[in-house]
Amino acid sequence: MNRRTRGVLLVGSLAVATVVTLAVALARGWDDDSCKFHSQLSTTTFPSGEVDVTSWAVTTHCPQIIKRLLGAAASVAAPVLGQATDLPLPEGEVLATERNSPVIESAHAETPLELAAVLGFYRAELSKRGWTENDGAVVEPDRAVVAFTTTDGPAQLRLISQDGRTIADLSLRKGAAADADILPRPGQVRLMLANGTDEEAVFTIDEQTIKLAANAKLHNSPQVDLPPGKFKVTIKVASGGAAQDREFEVGADETWAVLVGPAGVPLPVHIY
């Protein structure tokens, strides 16, 4: 798959700690007829020398790519979305977010491939890396949860089938201590919100409605505490159009960020 980019250098940061940071963001736009590709890479360097890297990439208004991914003929080559980590991503992903920090390495992907195919892909790729699958995997027609043991720390793969696509979350917990600002309450899930668009966005989460101003930063925005399990996020941007919604499965003692992406697309990032 080929990348076609138009580079624009931006300055930004997704830091959630109150520290002096040096942040450089690289944003790219890709366009072919009605098919649009957007991405951003943010690097934050802390005074200690530790580095956080977060990236996201998404295709929007892209019927040619969807048809190609599903096996139909198309003239458009889908872009490669992964940027911030070397964790494997399933073929044909139309949305990906990644984070590499001292506490976690994570990758979220959405693909039109069936759940069984995505599970088989991850099992094969992670085995090649020397990851050992733990006993007790949960594999059902519409979801899967698989834990792994690695030399770098405990890892987990979660898959959920929704609306003709598979949503995949792969995370590797590292040994570093997390900053108190991102720690969830014991046994709970912390959800942090940000708006990367130039217009107001409205979140609906677990029957709570939260408005975010344009370009609202992660560390200045509301936080939501949720019980572990499945939750649904709906995002509506001020310019109108259809609301975007996703259902995610999260575990106890995890922290996630949900960013408003192009056209109001939810961009979930596993940050602890």
Protein backbone atom coordinates (compact mmCIF):
# COMPACT_ATOMS: atom_id res chain seq x y z
CA MET A 1 0.00 0.00 0.00
CA ASN A 2 1.26 3.49 -0.86
CA ARG A 3 1.22 6.71 1.14
CA ARG A 4 0.57 9.97 -0.66
CA THR A 5 1.17 12.91 1.61
CA ARG A 6 1.13 16.66 1.75
CA GLY A 7 3.28 17.57 4.74
CA VAL A 8 2.42 20.38 7.12
CA LEU A 9 4.45 20.97 10.28
CA LEU A 10 2.33 21.80 13.29
CA VAL A 11 3.09 22.45 16.94
CA GLY A 12 0.95 20.64 19.47
CA SER A 13 0.86 18.34 22.43
CA LEU A 14 -1.26 15.60 23.90
CA ALA A 15 0.50 15.74 27.29
CA VAL A 16 -1.74 15.10 30.27
CA ALA A 17 0.79 15.99 33.00
CA THR A 18 1.46 19.58 34.09
CA VAL A 19 5.05 19.80 32.91
CA VAL A 20 7.14 21.81 30.48
CA THR A 21 6.99 19.98 27.17
CA LEU A 22 8.48 20.16 23.74
CA ALA A 23 5.85 18.93 21.31
CA VAL A 24 6.04 18.59 17.56
CA ALA A 25 3.08 17.37 15.53
CA LEU A 26 3.20 16.24 11.94
CA ALA A 27 -0.14 16.36 10.15
CA ARG A 28 -0.81 14.99 6.70
CA GLY A 29 -3.75 15.18 4.34
CA TRP A 30 -4.43 12.71 1.51
CA ASP A 31 -7.19 13.15 -1.03
CA ASP A 32 -8.34 11.15 -4.06
CA ASP A 33 -11.75 12.14 -5.46
CA SER A 34 -14.18 11.61 -2.55
CA CYS A 35 -11.61 9.65 -0.55
CA LYS A 36 -9.82 11.56 2.22
CA PHE A 37 -6.99 10.45 4.49
CA HIS A 38 -6.08 12.44 7.61
CA SER A 39 -3.35 11.77 10.15
CA GLN A 40 -1.34 13.41 12.91
CA LEU A 41 1.73 12.44 14.91
CA SER A 42 2.48 14.20 18.23
CA THR A 43 5.72 13.82 20.17
CA THR A 44 6.07 15.15 23.73
CA THR A 45 9.48 15.28 25.43
CA PHE A 46 9.49 15.72 29.22
CA PRO A 47 12.27 17.34 31.30
CA SER A 48 13.24 13.86 32.48
CA GLY A 49 13.99 12.91 28.90
CA GLU A 50 11.01 10.55 28.67
CA VAL A 51 9.06 10.72 25.43
CA ASP A 52 5.39 10.14 24.63
CA VAL A 53 4.37 9.56 21.02
CA THR A 54 0.71 9.53 19.99
CA SER A 55 -0.64 9.20 16.47
CA TRP A 56 -3.95 8.83 14.74
CA ALA A 57 -4.99 8.25 11.16
CA VAL A 58 -8.40 7.86 9.56
CA THR A 59 -10.00 7.66 6.14
CA THR A 60 -13.27 9.54 5.70
CA HIS A 61 -15.79 9.78 2.83
CA CYS A 62 -13.93 6.98 1.16
CA PRO A 63 -16.20 4.49 -0.65
CA GLN A 64 -13.40 3.41 -3.02
CA ILE A 65 -11.18 2.22 -0.18
CA ILE A 66 -14.02 0.42 1.58
CA LYS A 67 -14.88 -1.45 -1.62
CA ARG A 68 -11.25 -2.38 -2.15
CA LEU A 69 -10.86 -3.64 1.40
CA LEU A 70 -13.92 -5.81 0.97
CA GLY A 71 -12.52 -7.34 -2.20
CA ALA A 72 -14.24 -5.23 -4.88
CA ALA A 73 -12.25 -3.57 -7.66
CA ALA A 74 -11.18 0.01 -7.06
CA SER A 75 -8.59 2.42 -8.41
CA VAL A 76 -7.52 3.83 -5.05
CA ALA A 77 -4.65 2.40 -2.99
CA ALA A 78 -5.37 2.54 0.74
CA PRO A 79 -2.77 4.36 2.88
CA VAL A 80 -0.73 2.71 5.61
CA LEU A 81 -2.04 4.09 8.90
CA GLY A 82 0.35 2.96 11.65
CA GLN A 83 2.88 5.56 12.87
CA ALA A 84 3.78 5.69 16.56
CA THR A 85 4.58 2.05 17.42
CA ASP A 86 5.66 -1.15 15.74
CA LEU A 87 2.70 -3.10 17.10
CA PRO A 88 0.98 -5.02 14.30
CA LEU A 89 -2.14 -3.61 12.67
CA PRO A 90 -4.59 -5.75 10.67
CA GLU A 91 -4.68 -5.30 6.93
CA GLY A 92 -7.25 -2.88 5.59
CA GLU A 93 -7.65 -0.70 8.68
CA VAL A 94 -9.62 2.49 8.00
CA LEU A 95 -8.89 4.02 11.40
CA ALA A 96 -5.91 3.62 13.70
CA THR A 97 -4.64 5.31 16.85
CA GLU A 98 -1.36 4.47 18.58
CA ARG A 99 0.49 5.50 21.72
CA ASN A 100 4.01 4.77 22.91
CA SER A 101 4.85 6.14 26.36
CA PRO A 102 6.86 5.01 29.41
CA VAL A 103 3.72 3.31 30.83
CA ILE A 104 2.06 1.75 27.77
CA GLU A 105 2.36 0.84 24.13
CA SER A 106 -1.05 0.56 22.50
CA ALA A 107 -2.74 0.37 19.12
CA HIS A 108 -6.44 0.72 18.25
CA ALA A 109 -7.68 -0.22 14.78
CA GLU A 110 -10.97 -0.51 12.93
CA THR A 111 -11.17 -2.76 9.88
CA PRO A 112 -13.93 -4.29 7.72
CA LEU A 113 -12.32 -7.72 8.15
CA GLU A 114 -14.31 -10.29 10.14
CA LEU A 115 -13.44 -10.82 13.79
CA ALA A 116 -12.19 -14.38 13.26
CA ALA A 117 -9.76 -13.19 10.59
CA VAL A 118 -8.47 -10.36 12.79
CA LEU A 119 -8.01 -12.72 15.74
CA GLY A 120 -6.07 -15.15 13.55
CA PHE A 121 -3.87 -12.32 12.29
CA TYR A 122 -2.96 -11.16 15.79
CA ARG A 123 -2.31 -14.64 17.13
CA ALA A 124 0.09 -15.34 14.28
CA GLU A 125 1.88 -11.98 14.44
CA LEU A 126 2.25 -11.91 18.22
CA SER A 127 3.53 -15.47 18.29
CA LYS A 128 6.28 -14.42 15.87
CA ARG A 129 7.30 -11.76 18.40
CA GLY A 130 7.68 -14.34 21.15
CA TRP A 131 4.51 -13.36 23.00
CA THR A 132 2.94 -16.27 24.90
CA GLU A 133 -0.84 -16.54 24.98
CA ASN A 134 -2.19 -17.08 28.49
CA ASP A 135 -4.88 -19.58 29.39
CA GLY A 136 -8.46 -18.38 29.74
CA ALA A 137 -8.96 -16.58 26.42
CA VAL A 138 -12.58 -15.52 25.77
CA VAL A 139 -13.55 -16.04 22.13
CA GLU A 140 -17.16 -15.46 21.07
CA PRO A 141 -18.71 -14.65 17.66
CA ASP A 142 -18.86 -10.90 18.40
CA ARG A 143 -15.98 -10.36 20.86
CA ALA A 144 -12.67 -11.78 22.02
CA VAL A 145 -10.31 -11.06 24.93
CA VAL A 146 -6.86 -12.65 24.93
CA ALA A 147 -4.04 -11.98 27.43
CA PHE A 148 -0.35 -12.46 26.63
CA THR A 149 2.89 -12.68 28.57
CA THR A 150 5.84 -10.80 27.07
CA THR A 151 9.38 -9.96 28.15
CA ASP A 152 8.34 -6.29 28.39
CA GLY A 153 5.22 -6.72 30.52
CA PRO A 154 1.63 -8.01 30.41
CA ALA A 155 -0.31 -7.50 27.19
CA GLN A 156 -3.92 -7.85 26.13
CA LEU A 157 -5.89 -8.01 22.89
CA ARG A 158 -9.58 -7.08 22.83
CA LEU A 159 -11.78 -7.41 19.74
CA ILE A 160 -15.40 -6.41 19.24
CA SER A 161 -17.58 -6.79 16.15
CA GLN A 162 -19.80 -3.80 15.37
CA ASP A 163 -21.70 -2.56 12.30
CA GLY A 164 -19.78 -4.61 9.76
CA ARG A 165 -16.30 -3.93 11.14
CA THR A 166 -13.97 -5.29 13.78
CA ILE A 167 -12.63 -2.93 16.44
CA ALA A 168 -9.26 -4.12 17.78
CA ASP A 169 -7.38 -2.88 20.85
CA LEU A 170 -3.89 -4.20 21.60
CA SER A 171 -1.98 -2.93 24.63
CA LEU A 172 1.32 -3.68 26.36
CA ARG A 173 1.72 -2.41 29.92
CA LYS A 174 5.25 -1.29 30.80
CA GLY A 175 6.79 -1.11 34.27
CA ALA A 176 6.98 2.67 34.68
CA ALA A 177 4.70 4.40 37.19
CA ALA A 178 1.87 6.47 35.70
CA ASP A 179 1.38 10.15 36.48
CA ALA A 180 -1.39 10.71 39.03
CA ASP A 181 -3.27 12.91 36.54
CA ILE A 182 -4.12 9.92 34.36
CA LEU A 183 -4.76 7.26 36.99
CA PRO A 184 -8.37 6.00 37.17
CA ARG A 185 -10.17 5.36 40.42
CA PRO A 186 -9.54 1.80 41.66
CA GLY A 187 -11.69 -0.65 39.74
CA GLN A 188 -12.98 2.10 37.41
CA VAL A 189 -12.20 3.45 33.94
CA ARG A 190 -11.14 7.05 33.38
CA LEU A 191 -12.19 8.65 30.11
CA MET A 192 -10.46 11.87 29.01
CA LEU A 193 -11.86 14.01 26.18
CA ALA A 194 -10.36 16.35 23.59
CA ASN A 195 -11.58 18.13 20.47
CA GLY A 196 -9.18 18.41 17.56
CA THR A 197 -11.58 20.24 15.25
CA ASP A 198 -12.28 23.94 14.71
CA GLU A 199 -15.89 23.70 15.85
CA GLU A 200 -17.82 22.81 18.98
CA ALA A 201 -18.46 19.11 19.56
CA VAL A 202 -21.04 17.39 21.75
CA PHE A 203 -20.22 14.05 23.40
CA THR A 204 -22.87 11.66 24.67
CA ILE A 205 -21.33 9.02 26.94
CA ASP A 206 -23.23 6.68 29.22
CA GLU A 207 -26.27 9.01 29.09
CA GLN A 208 -24.08 12.02 29.96
CA THR A 209 -23.90 14.96 27.54
CA ILE A 210 -20.70 17.04 27.46
CA LYS A 211 -19.95 20.01 25.20
CA LEU A 212 -16.36 20.66 24.14
CA ALA A 213 -15.22 23.93 22.62
CA ALA A 214 -13.26 23.93 19.37
CA ASN A 215 -9.67 22.73 19.80
CA ALA A 216 -10.23 21.75 23.45
CA LYS A 217 -7.03 20.19 24.81
CA LEU A 218 -6.91 16.88 26.62
CA HIS A 219 -5.51 18.17 29.91
CA ASN A 220 -8.07 21.02 30.18
CA SER A 221 -11.20 19.03 29.30
CA PRO A 222 -13.76 17.13 31.41
CA GLN A 223 -13.05 13.60 32.58
CA VAL A 224 -15.62 10.85 32.98
CA ASP A 225 -15.40 7.90 35.37
CA LEU A 226 -17.08 4.73 34.10
CA PRO A 227 -17.47 1.15 35.27
CA PRO A 228 -15.52 -1.45 33.25
CA GLY A 229 -17.30 -3.11 30.35
CA LYS A 230 -18.85 -1.78 27.16
CA PHE A 231 -19.71 1.87 26.68
CA LYS A 232 -20.98 3.88 23.72
CA VAL A 233 -19.64 7.25 22.59
CA THR A 234 -21.64 9.51 20.25
CA ILE A 235 -20.10 12.68 18.82
CA LYS A 236 -21.95 15.47 17.02
CA VAL A 237 -20.08 18.47 15.60
CA ALA A 238 -21.63 21.91 15.22
CA SER A 239 -21.54 21.99 11.40
CA GLY A 240 -24.23 19.32 11.26
CA GLY A 241 -24.22 16.00 9.47
CA ALA A 242 -24.80 12.60 10.95
CA ALA A 243 -23.64 11.91 14.50
CA GLN A 244 -20.74 9.46 14.77
CA ASP A 245 -20.94 6.68 17.35
CA ARG A 246 -18.79 3.76 18.47
CA GLU A 247 -19.09 1.11 21.16
CA PHE A 248 -15.93 0.14 23.04
CA GLU A 249 -15.02 -2.46 25.61
CA VAL A 250 -12.67 -1.32 28.39
CA GLY A 251 -11.25 -2.97 31.50
CA ALA A 252 -10.95 -1.93 35.13
CA ASP A 253 -8.03 0.36 36.05
CA GLU A 254 -7.63 1.64 32.48
CA THR A 255 -7.50 5.21 31.18
CA TRP A 256 -8.60 6.16 27.68
CA ALA A 257 -8.77 9.37 25.70
CA VAL A 258 -11.40 10.00 23.04
CA LEU A 259 -10.49 12.71 20.54
CA VAL A 260 -12.86 14.33 18.04
CA GLY A 261 -11.33 13.71 14.63
CA PRO A 262 -12.24 14.84 11.09
CA ALA A 263 -16.00 14.83 10.40
CA GLY A 264 -16.58 14.13 14.10
CA VAL A 265 -15.03 10.64 13.98
CA PRO A 266 -14.27 9.30 17.51
CA LEU A 267 -10.55 8.56 17.92
CA PRO A 268 -9.97 6.42 21.03
CA VAL A 269 -6.44 6.24 22.47
CA HIS A 270 -5.47 3.81 25.23
CA ILE A 271 -3.15 5.85 27.48
CA TYR A 272 -2.94 3.70 30.65
